[in-house]
């Protein structure tokens, strides 16, 4: 009898031990939370905070940061210039929204394609650049992956240049921080591309989808992203004094939570903590150990049937109705999207008094004009009619576009709302546009605006021109 009890006890103990091992293995392969975070000093690479930082994740549209890096590398290596024209292919035209929607055969300069890709998160412009530089999406994706590994992004693999859903499109918060550092250090003269506040294409004005720009003191980049499988992602940078920080948030439940989380992390990094020497060192971003696991799929929690409505561009314009399977609903360029983004900007507040002042009200911005066709001179750009920059979505779609109706005046964006920004005459005079000599032609023709609020305010005063302000970029870029 005793032997039978001993045997039974041994079996039970063995079962419990086996179960514990199984649970431990599951726990080690699953993030404690459906969120990955990292905060890094941009100069030294020192990790200031990390949670699930090396856990594999679907990047969504933050993929476009690598497409930007690849494009700037091609310019640096004199394979293309900012003036180079690429034509919209059937593949580019077929991309799911968000996109510019230009017809097949439309030519776009590299400079304008980059601005549209980074501000509007235009998926078609990412493909246009990929095909123009790499020959095909597949070949460009291989080059993206090889470049990522060369930079130390060992957990990253790319399948496409825009981040639309694909099982093989994987990265991590750690790898994205490495990529952000590479952009900052390798291409400081082109930093304008990751903090353009808004673009104007024809009658449409699109404000940058990064809610921290103009709202968090010192914010100066970089990119948002969303698909159902990944949740809401953000790579954010901010500079105060001589200190620049990189915050990466992956898998946030909403755009607002994502923005507040990034602001909290940045604020903690800038704060002077006299007891910081007591905190154990997390090492440098490159030394964090990768985790061998499959990325979590957040599709059910982000876009499942339990939600009153799926998380889409109604929560974040970057989502653009893209669901977890890569399909798209509608055009992604409805008039409602800009209104919803305006509501988001005005309603974006931290949920607790502790963080109530982290995000300010968004001030007015002067959009950068983008257009199709060859590079225009500053004089040509200042007098470009609203209908010259093609607006195919507005012209072709049966739905209302994200811009103004056909008979409306051009607008400027103030606190996320569209207001008349062309001065007393209602004509485009170019007086509200400020040029930064980033290249001899392309960047000068489509210049970076000054972020100061008084630029638009001056433009609204009758019979006065907007006062010129110092350019944003402190170091002019050499002509490629």
Protein backbone atom coordinates (compact mmCIF):
# COMPACT_ATOMS: atom_id res chain seq x y z
CA UNK A 1 0.00 0.00 0.00
CA UNK A 2 2.80 2.36 0.95
CA UNK A 3 4.58 1.60 -2.29
CA UNK A 4 1.43 2.36 -4.26
CA UNK A 5 1.01 5.68 -2.45
CA UNK A 6 4.66 6.51 -3.00
CA UNK A 7 4.31 5.74 -6.71
CA UNK A 8 1.19 7.84 -6.99
CA UNK A 9 2.86 10.70 -5.14
CA UNK A 10 5.87 10.47 -7.45
CA UNK A 11 3.60 10.60 -10.50
CA UNK A 12 1.75 13.63 -9.14
CA UNK A 13 4.98 15.43 -8.31
CA UNK A 14 6.36 14.58 -11.71
CA UNK A 15 3.22 15.90 -13.41
CA UNK A 16 3.37 19.14 -11.43
CA UNK A 17 7.03 19.57 -12.31
CA UNK A 18 6.33 18.91 -15.98
CA UNK A 19 3.47 21.37 -15.93
CA UNK A 20 5.67 23.96 -14.30
CA UNK A 21 8.27 23.50 -17.01
CA UNK A 22 5.63 23.88 -19.69
CA UNK A 23 4.27 27.03 -18.06
CA UNK A 24 7.78 28.40 -17.70
CA UNK A 25 8.53 27.75 -21.36
CA UNK A 26 5.28 29.41 -22.37
CA UNK A 27 5.99 32.39 -20.16
CA UNK A 28 9.48 32.76 -21.60
CA UNK A 29 8.06 32.80 -25.13
CA UNK A 30 5.23 35.22 -24.43
CA UNK A 31 5.62 38.88 -23.45
CA UNK A 32 4.33 39.73 -20.00
CA UNK A 33 2.20 42.42 -21.64
CA UNK A 34 1.06 43.01 -25.19
CA UNK A 35 3.42 45.95 -25.43
CA UNK A 36 7.12 46.49 -26.08
CA UNK A 37 9.03 49.59 -24.98
CA UNK A 38 12.54 50.98 -25.09
CA UNK A 39 14.12 54.34 -24.27
CA UNK A 40 17.62 55.00 -25.58
CA UNK A 41 20.10 57.85 -25.47
CA UNK A 42 20.62 58.68 -29.15
CA UNK A 43 24.26 59.68 -28.73
CA UNK A 44 25.64 56.92 -26.54
CA UNK A 45 23.16 54.15 -27.26
CA UNK A 46 22.64 53.63 -23.52
CA UNK A 47 19.36 51.93 -22.67
CA UNK A 48 17.42 53.92 -20.09
CA UNK A 49 14.34 51.70 -20.01
CA UNK A 50 13.35 48.43 -21.64
CA UNK A 51 10.26 46.19 -21.47
CA UNK A 52 9.95 43.31 -23.94
CA UNK A 53 12.42 45.33 -26.01
CA UNK A 54 13.83 42.32 -27.88
CA UNK A 55 10.53 40.52 -28.36
CA UNK A 56 9.71 40.12 -32.10
CA UNK A 57 6.97 42.43 -33.34
CA UNK A 58 5.18 43.38 -36.55
CA UNK A 59 6.51 46.83 -37.48
CA UNK A 60 3.58 48.18 -39.56
CA UNK A 61 4.34 51.59 -41.09
CA UNK A 62 7.45 52.25 -39.01
CA UNK A 63 8.93 50.04 -41.75
CA UNK A 64 9.10 53.22 -43.80
CA UNK A 65 12.00 54.41 -41.64
CA UNK A 66 14.14 51.73 -43.30
CA UNK A 67 12.79 52.71 -46.73
CA UNK A 68 13.88 56.26 -45.88
CA UNK A 69 17.32 55.02 -44.78
CA UNK A 70 17.74 53.03 -48.00
CA UNK A 71 16.71 56.01 -50.14
CA UNK A 72 19.06 58.41 -48.38
CA UNK A 73 21.84 55.83 -48.72
CA UNK A 74 21.23 55.66 -52.48
CA UNK A 75 21.46 59.46 -52.65
CA UNK A 76 24.66 59.46 -50.58
CA UNK A 77 26.16 56.85 -52.92
CA UNK A 78 25.21 58.97 -55.99
CA UNK A 79 22.92 56.29 -57.43
CA UNK A 80 19.98 58.71 -57.48
CA UNK A 81 19.32 62.35 -56.61
CA UNK A 82 16.43 64.13 -54.95
CA UNK A 83 15.40 65.27 -58.46
CA UNK A 84 15.26 61.73 -59.89
CA UNK A 85 11.83 60.93 -61.32
CA UNK A 86 10.18 57.56 -60.70
CA UNK A 87 6.89 56.51 -62.31
CA UNK A 88 3.95 55.00 -60.44
CA UNK A 89 3.71 51.33 -61.44
CA UNK A 90 0.61 49.10 -61.36
CA UNK A 91 2.05 47.49 -58.22
CA UNK A 92 2.45 50.85 -56.50
CA UNK A 93 -0.99 51.99 -57.60
CA UNK A 94 -2.56 48.80 -56.22
CA UNK A 95 -1.29 49.31 -52.66
CA UNK A 96 -3.89 49.59 -49.94
CA UNK A 97 -4.55 53.00 -48.45
CA UNK A 98 -3.12 55.11 -47.00
CA UNK A 99 -1.79 56.24 -50.38
CA UNK A 100 -1.60 59.27 -52.62
CA UNK A 101 -3.59 57.47 -55.31
CA UNK A 102 -1.77 58.86 -58.35
CA UNK A 103 -2.63 57.13 -61.65
CA UNK A 104 -0.23 54.59 -63.16
CA UNK A 105 2.53 56.38 -65.08
CA UNK A 106 2.50 59.51 -62.91
CA UNK A 107 6.03 60.73 -62.30
CA UNK A 108 7.15 61.81 -58.84
CA UNK A 109 10.55 63.06 -57.70
CA UNK A 110 12.40 61.21 -54.96
CA UNK A 111 12.12 64.31 -52.77
CA UNK A 112 8.32 64.54 -53.07
CA UNK A 113 7.88 60.78 -52.68
CA UNK A 114 9.83 60.86 -49.41
CA UNK A 115 7.73 63.72 -48.04
CA UNK A 116 4.47 62.00 -48.95
CA UNK A 117 5.68 58.69 -47.51
CA UNK A 118 6.85 60.16 -44.21
CA UNK A 119 3.94 62.54 -43.53
CA UNK A 120 0.93 60.80 -45.10
CA UNK A 121 2.49 57.34 -44.70
CA UNK A 122 1.71 56.78 -48.37
CA UNK A 123 2.11 53.08 -49.17
CA UNK A 124 2.22 53.68 -52.92
CA UNK A 125 5.12 56.12 -52.57
CA UNK A 126 7.09 53.55 -50.55
CA UNK A 127 6.66 51.04 -53.38
CA UNK A 128 7.53 53.68 -55.98
CA UNK A 129 10.85 54.28 -54.19
CA UNK A 130 11.49 50.56 -53.70
CA UNK A 131 10.98 49.76 -57.38
CA UNK A 132 12.91 52.80 -58.53
CA UNK A 133 15.93 52.06 -56.34
CA UNK A 134 15.90 48.27 -56.07
CA UNK A 135 14.25 47.28 -59.34
CA UNK A 136 11.45 45.38 -57.61
CA UNK A 137 9.76 45.19 -54.22
CA UNK A 138 11.28 41.76 -53.56
CA UNK A 139 14.83 42.82 -54.38
CA UNK A 140 14.48 46.02 -52.38
CA UNK A 141 13.17 44.04 -49.39
CA UNK A 142 16.23 41.79 -49.55
CA UNK A 143 18.46 44.87 -49.55
CA UNK A 144 16.47 46.30 -46.63
CA UNK A 145 17.03 43.12 -44.61
CA UNK A 146 20.74 42.98 -45.43
CA UNK A 147 21.15 46.62 -44.45
CA UNK A 148 19.25 46.03 -41.22
CA UNK A 149 21.56 43.17 -40.27
CA UNK A 150 24.60 45.28 -41.16
CA UNK A 151 23.34 47.95 -38.75
CA UNK A 152 22.95 45.35 -35.99
CA UNK A 153 19.19 44.85 -36.35
CA UNK A 154 19.54 41.08 -35.98
CA UNK A 155 15.86 40.42 -35.25
CA UNK A 156 14.56 42.24 -38.32
CA UNK A 157 13.33 40.85 -41.62
CA UNK A 158 11.55 42.79 -44.36
CA UNK A 159 9.11 41.59 -47.02
CA UNK A 160 7.85 44.96 -48.28
CA UNK A 161 8.86 48.64 -48.02
CA UNK A 162 5.68 50.00 -46.43
CA UNK A 163 4.74 47.68 -43.56
CA UNK A 164 1.47 46.32 -44.89
CA UNK A 165 0.65 43.01 -43.15
CA UNK A 166 3.00 40.13 -43.97
CA UNK A 167 4.01 37.21 -41.76
CA UNK A 168 7.70 37.64 -42.55
CA UNK A 169 7.78 41.37 -41.75
CA UNK A 170 9.33 41.34 -38.27
CA UNK A 171 11.37 43.66 -36.09
CA UNK A 172 11.68 44.57 -32.39
CA UNK A 173 11.70 47.71 -30.27
CA UNK A 174 15.46 47.28 -29.85
CA UNK A 175 16.03 47.06 -33.61
CA UNK A 176 13.88 50.12 -34.28
CA UNK A 177 15.92 52.10 -31.76
CA UNK A 178 19.08 51.02 -33.61
CA UNK A 179 17.53 52.17 -36.90
CA UNK A 180 16.53 55.53 -35.43
CA UNK A 181 20.11 56.04 -34.17
CA UNK A 182 21.47 55.16 -37.61
CA UNK A 183 19.24 57.76 -39.30
CA UNK A 184 20.22 60.42 -36.78
CA UNK A 185 23.94 59.75 -37.05
CA UNK A 186 24.27 58.87 -40.74
CA UNK A 187 21.94 61.52 -42.19
CA UNK A 188 21.65 64.47 -39.78
CA UNK A 189 21.46 66.90 -42.71
CA UNK A 190 18.20 65.28 -43.83
CA UNK A 191 16.46 65.20 -40.44
CA UNK A 192 13.77 67.43 -41.94
CA UNK A 193 12.18 64.36 -43.51
CA UNK A 194 11.20 62.85 -40.19
CA UNK A 195 9.70 65.96 -38.65
CA UNK A 196 7.77 67.64 -41.48
CA UNK A 197 4.66 68.97 -39.70
CA UNK A 198 2.28 68.78 -42.70
CA UNK A 199 2.12 68.51 -46.48
CA UNK A 200 -0.20 70.16 -49.00
CA UNK A 201 -1.06 68.31 -52.21
CA UNK A 202 -3.45 70.20 -54.43
CA UNK A 203 -6.29 71.20 -52.11
CA UNK A 204 -5.53 68.49 -49.60
CA UNK A 205 -3.59 69.20 -46.42
CA UNK A 206 -2.37 66.30 -44.30
CA UNK A 207 -0.83 66.85 -40.89
CA UNK A 208 1.92 64.49 -39.73
CA UNK A 209 0.45 61.46 -38.00
CA UNK A 210 3.02 61.70 -35.18
CA UNK A 211 0.96 63.44 -32.44
CA UNK A 212 4.06 64.44 -30.47
CA UNK A 213 5.27 66.87 -33.14
CA UNK A 214 4.29 70.37 -32.05
CA UNK A 215 2.78 69.02 -28.84
CA UNK A 216 5.64 67.58 -26.79
CA UNK A 217 8.47 70.05 -26.09
CA UNK A 218 11.53 69.07 -28.10
CA UNK A 219 9.84 66.39 -30.24
CA UNK A 220 11.62 66.11 -33.60
CA UNK A 221 10.60 62.76 -35.19
CA UNK A 222 10.01 60.03 -36.35
CA UNK A 223 7.18 57.67 -37.52
CA UNK A 224 3.93 56.01 -36.50
CA UNK A 225 2.46 52.69 -37.60
CA UNK A 226 -0.59 50.51 -37.18
CA UNK A 227 -2.00 47.22 -38.38
CA UNK A 228 -4.38 45.06 -36.38
CA UNK A 229 -1.70 42.43 -35.73
CA UNK A 230 0.80 44.91 -34.28
CA UNK A 231 -1.31 47.44 -32.42
CA UNK A 232 -0.32 51.09 -32.41
CA UNK A 233 3.42 51.63 -32.89
CA UNK A 234 5.56 54.74 -32.59
CA UNK A 235 9.23 55.62 -32.93
CA UNK A 236 9.63 59.06 -31.35
CA UNK A 237 12.66 61.29 -30.87
CA UNK A 238 13.06 64.47 -28.85
CA UNK A 239 15.93 66.84 -28.11
CA UNK A 240 16.51 69.18 -25.19
CA UNK A 241 19.80 70.98 -24.91
CA UNK A 242 22.54 68.56 -25.91
CA UNK A 243 20.50 65.48 -25.10
CA UNK A 244 18.50 63.54 -27.69
CA UNK A 245 16.39 60.52 -26.76
CA UNK A 246 14.69 57.79 -28.76
CA UNK A 247 11.48 56.21 -27.45
CA UNK A 248 9.88 53.18 -29.12
CA UNK A 249 6.37 52.02 -28.24
CA UNK A 250 4.95 48.89 -29.88
CA UNK A 251 1.52 47.36 -29.36
CA UNK A 252 -0.28 50.24 -27.65
CA UNK A 253 -4.10 49.89 -27.59
CA UNK A 254 -4.72 53.31 -29.18
CA UNK A 255 -2.96 56.25 -30.76
CA UNK A 256 -3.57 58.39 -27.67
CA UNK A 257 -2.12 55.81 -25.29
CA UNK A 258 0.84 55.36 -27.61
CA UNK A 259 1.57 59.10 -27.65
CA UNK A 260 1.23 59.52 -23.89
CA UNK A 261 3.42 56.48 -23.22
CA UNK A 262 6.15 57.85 -25.48
CA UNK A 263 5.89 61.28 -23.84
CA UNK A 264 6.15 59.70 -20.38
CA UNK A 265 9.26 57.78 -21.37
CA UNK A 266 10.92 60.82 -22.92
CA UNK A 267 10.06 62.95 -19.89
CA UNK A 268 11.59 60.41 -17.53
CA UNK A 269 14.73 60.35 -19.65
CA UNK A 270 15.11 64.13 -19.59
CA UNK A 271 14.40 64.40 -15.86
CA UNK A 272 17.41 64.79 -13.58
CA UNK A 273 17.25 61.89 -11.14
CA UNK A 274 19.86 62.23 -8.37
CA UNK A 275 19.45 58.53 -7.56
CA UNK A 276 19.94 57.32 -11.12
CA UNK A 277 23.34 55.87 -10.17
CA UNK A 278 21.49 53.33 -8.02
CA UNK A 279 19.58 51.99 -11.01
CA UNK A 280 21.18 48.88 -12.53
CA UNK A 281 22.70 49.54 -15.94
CA UNK A 282 20.80 48.04 -18.87
CA UNK A 283 23.81 48.35 -21.14
CA UNK A 284 23.76 49.59 -24.71
CA UNK A 285 20.99 48.94 -27.18
CA UNK A 286 23.17 46.64 -29.29
CA UNK A 287 23.92 44.32 -26.36
CA UNK A 288 20.32 43.45 -25.47
CA UNK A 289 19.80 39.73 -26.04
CA UNK A 290 17.26 38.76 -28.73
CA UNK A 291 14.32 36.50 -27.88
CA UNK A 292 13.63 33.52 -30.14
CA UNK A 293 9.85 33.55 -30.47
CA UNK A 294 7.05 34.33 -32.88
CA UNK A 295 5.67 37.87 -32.78
CA UNK A 296 2.36 38.27 -30.91
CA UNK A 297 -0.68 38.77 -33.09
CA UNK A 298 -2.93 41.40 -31.57
CA UNK A 299 -5.59 41.23 -34.27
CA UNK A 300 -8.33 39.94 -31.98
CA UNK A 301 -7.76 42.55 -29.28
CA UNK A 302 -7.25 45.40 -31.76
CA UNK A 303 -9.89 44.57 -34.36
CA UNK A 304 -11.87 41.65 -32.96
CA UNK A 305 -15.67 41.33 -32.85
CA UNK A 306 -15.76 42.32 -29.17
CA UNK A 307 -14.93 45.89 -30.13
CA UNK A 308 -17.76 48.21 -31.05
CA UNK A 309 -15.69 49.05 -34.11
CA UNK A 310 -12.28 47.80 -35.27
CA UNK A 311 -9.26 49.97 -34.58
CA UNK A 312 -8.61 51.69 -37.89
CA UNK A 313 -7.92 55.17 -39.17
CA UNK A 314 -10.78 56.36 -36.96
CA UNK A 315 -8.32 55.89 -34.09
CA UNK A 316 -5.20 56.69 -36.07
CA UNK A 317 -5.15 58.07 -39.62
CA UNK A 318 -2.09 55.92 -40.30
CA UNK A 319 -4.20 52.77 -40.09
CA UNK A 320 -6.16 53.71 -43.21
CA UNK A 321 -8.74 50.92 -42.92
CA UNK A 322 -6.05 48.25 -43.22
CA UNK A 323 -7.12 45.14 -41.36
CA UNK A 324 -4.97 42.34 -40.05
CA UNK A 325 -5.13 40.49 -43.38
CA UNK A 326 -3.87 43.38 -45.42
CA UNK A 327 -7.25 44.17 -46.91
CA UNK A 328 -8.59 47.67 -47.06
CA UNK A 329 -12.08 49.01 -46.67
CA UNK A 330 -12.97 52.10 -48.64
CA UNK A 331 -10.55 54.64 -49.99
CA UNK A 332 -8.72 55.60 -46.81
CA UNK A 333 -9.00 59.22 -47.91
CA UNK A 334 -12.47 60.15 -46.72
CA UNK A 335 -13.29 63.60 -45.42
CA UNK A 336 -14.13 61.96 -42.12
CA UNK A 337 -10.53 60.84 -41.58
CA UNK A 338 -9.18 64.37 -41.30
CA UNK A 339 -12.07 65.35 -39.02
CA UNK A 340 -11.43 62.34 -36.82
CA UNK A 341 -7.75 63.20 -36.66
CA UNK A 342 -8.69 66.73 -35.62
CA UNK A 343 -10.78 65.29 -32.82
CA UNK A 344 -7.88 63.05 -31.83
CA UNK A 345 -5.48 65.96 -31.67
CA UNK A 346 -7.83 68.10 -29.61
CA UNK A 347 -8.79 65.23 -27.29
CA UNK A 348 -5.32 63.76 -26.80
CA UNK A 349 -4.68 64.21 -23.09
CA UNK A 350 -2.86 62.13 -20.56
CA UNK A 351 -5.29 60.15 -18.38
CA UNK A 352 -3.74 61.15 -15.05
CA UNK A 353 -2.84 64.50 -13.45
CA UNK A 354 0.76 63.31 -13.30
CA UNK A 355 0.99 63.48 -17.08
CA UNK A 356 -1.56 66.19 -17.76
CA UNK A 357 0.96 68.72 -19.06
CA UNK A 358 3.12 66.41 -21.18
CA UNK A 359 1.23 67.13 -24.41
CA UNK A 360 0.31 70.68 -25.31
CA UNK A 361 -2.33 71.86 -27.76
CA UNK A 362 -1.12 71.52 -31.33
CA UNK A 363 -0.19 74.93 -32.72
CA UNK A 364 -0.59 76.13 -36.30
CA UNK A 365 1.82 74.82 -38.93
CA UNK A 366 2.71 75.76 -42.48
CA UNK A 367 2.41 72.73 -44.77
CA UNK A 368 5.15 71.82 -47.23
CA UNK A 369 3.87 71.76 -50.81
CA UNK A 370 4.24 68.43 -52.62
CA UNK A 371 3.46 67.77 -56.26
CA UNK A 372 3.95 65.44 -59.20
CA UNK A 373 6.27 65.90 -62.15
CA UNK A 374 9.77 67.40 -62.32
CA UNK A 375 11.30 69.58 -59.66
CA UNK A 376 9.96 73.13 -59.57
CA UNK A 377 11.90 76.25 -58.74
CA UNK A 378 10.93 78.26 -55.64
CA UNK A 379 9.24 80.85 -57.86
CA UNK A 380 7.24 78.18 -59.69
CA UNK A 381 6.32 76.51 -56.45
CA UNK A 382 5.11 79.76 -54.90
CA UNK A 383 2.65 80.21 -57.75
CA UNK A 384 1.58 76.62 -58.22
CA UNK A 385 -2.24 76.46 -58.58
CA UNK A 386 -4.12 74.16 -56.25
CA UNK A 387 -5.28 71.97 -59.10
CA UNK A 388 -1.80 71.39 -60.55
CA UNK A 389 -0.75 68.98 -57.81
CA UNK A 390 -2.83 66.01 -58.86
CA UNK A 391 -5.58 64.98 -56.47
CA UNK A 392 -6.80 61.78 -58.14
CA UNK A 393 -8.67 60.47 -55.11
CA UNK A 394 -10.81 63.60 -55.00
CA UNK A 395 -11.38 63.55 -58.75
CA UNK A 396 -12.11 59.85 -59.14
CA UNK A 397 -13.69 58.75 -55.89
CA UNK A 398 -17.43 58.90 -55.34
CA UNK A 399 -16.69 59.64 -51.70
CA UNK A 400 -15.64 62.99 -50.37
CA UNK A 401 -11.90 63.42 -50.20
CA UNK A 402 -9.82 64.19 -47.15
CA UNK A 403 -9.24 67.66 -48.53
CA UNK A 404 -11.60 70.50 -49.30
CA UNK A 405 -14.36 70.19 -51.93
CA UNK A 406 -13.61 71.24 -55.48
CA UNK A 407 -14.80 74.81 -55.01
CA UNK A 408 -13.16 75.36 -51.62
CA UNK A 409 -10.16 77.53 -50.92
CA UNK A 410 -6.81 76.07 -49.96
CA UNK A 411 -6.45 75.60 -46.24
CA UNK A 412 -3.84 75.56 -43.52
CA UNK A 413 -3.92 73.32 -40.48
CA UNK A 414 -4.38 74.92 -37.07
CA UNK A 415 -4.76 72.67 -34.02
CA UNK A 416 -5.75 69.87 -36.37
CA UNK A 417 -8.56 71.92 -37.95
CA UNK A 418 -8.69 73.26 -41.47
CA UNK A 419 -8.78 77.03 -41.73
CA UNK A 420 -8.17 79.51 -44.52
CA UNK A 421 -4.40 79.94 -44.67
CA UNK A 422 -3.73 81.71 -47.94
CA UNK A 423 -3.89 85.27 -46.73
CA UNK A 424 -6.43 87.98 -47.41
CA UNK A 425 -6.75 87.35 -51.14
CA UNK A 426 -7.35 83.64 -50.91
CA UNK A 427 -4.61 83.12 -53.49
CA UNK A 428 -1.45 81.16 -52.97
CA UNK A 429 1.34 83.70 -52.67
CA UNK A 430 4.00 81.45 -51.22
CA UNK A 431 4.62 83.94 -48.42
CA UNK A 432 3.89 81.36 -45.72
CA UNK A 433 6.49 78.94 -47.08
CA UNK A 434 10.06 79.04 -45.78
CA UNK A 435 12.90 77.41 -47.70
CA UNK A 436 15.84 75.49 -46.30
CA UNK A 437 18.75 74.94 -48.73
CA UNK A 438 18.96 71.18 -48.29
CA UNK A 439 19.85 70.59 -51.93
CA UNK A 440 20.38 72.89 -54.83
CA UNK A 441 17.04 72.18 -56.42
CA UNK A 442 14.65 69.54 -55.12
CA UNK A 443 14.69 70.36 -51.45
CA UNK A 444 14.87 74.06 -52.13
CA UNK A 445 11.86 73.74 -54.42
CA UNK A 446 9.75 71.97 -51.79
CA UNK A 447 11.08 73.47 -48.59
CA UNK A 448 10.79 72.77 -44.89
CA UNK A 449 8.41 75.10 -43.06
CA UNK A 450 9.22 76.86 -39.83
CA UNK A 451 7.40 75.30 -36.90
CA UNK A 452 6.81 78.59 -35.09
CA UNK A 453 3.16 79.38 -34.59
CA UNK A 454 3.53 83.00 -35.70
CA UNK A 455 4.35 81.93 -39.28
CA UNK A 456 0.72 81.15 -40.04
CA UNK A 457 -0.53 83.94 -37.81
CA UNK A 458 1.50 86.47 -39.80
CA UNK A 459 0.20 84.99 -43.05
CA UNK A 460 -3.36 85.74 -41.92
CA UNK A 461 -2.71 89.43 -41.32
CA UNK A 462 -4.00 91.54 -44.23
CA UNK A 463 -1.54 93.43 -46.43
CA UNK A 464 1.45 91.95 -44.62
CA UNK A 465 3.80 89.21 -45.58
CA UNK A 466 4.77 86.49 -43.14
CA UNK A 467 7.99 87.26 -41.38
CA UNK A 468 10.88 85.08 -42.47
CA UNK A 469 12.28 82.82 -39.77
CA UNK A 470 15.55 80.93 -39.45
CA UNK A 471 15.53 77.56 -41.28
CA UNK A 472 14.91 74.38 -39.36
CA UNK A 473 17.96 72.47 -40.47
CA UNK A 474 21.13 73.92 -38.94
CA UNK A 475 23.44 72.17 -41.40
CA UNK A 476 22.59 72.57 -45.10
CA UNK A 477 22.91 69.35 -47.01
CA UNK A 478 25.52 69.06 -49.77
CA UNK A 479 24.21 68.66 -53.26
CA UNK A 480 23.99 64.94 -53.91
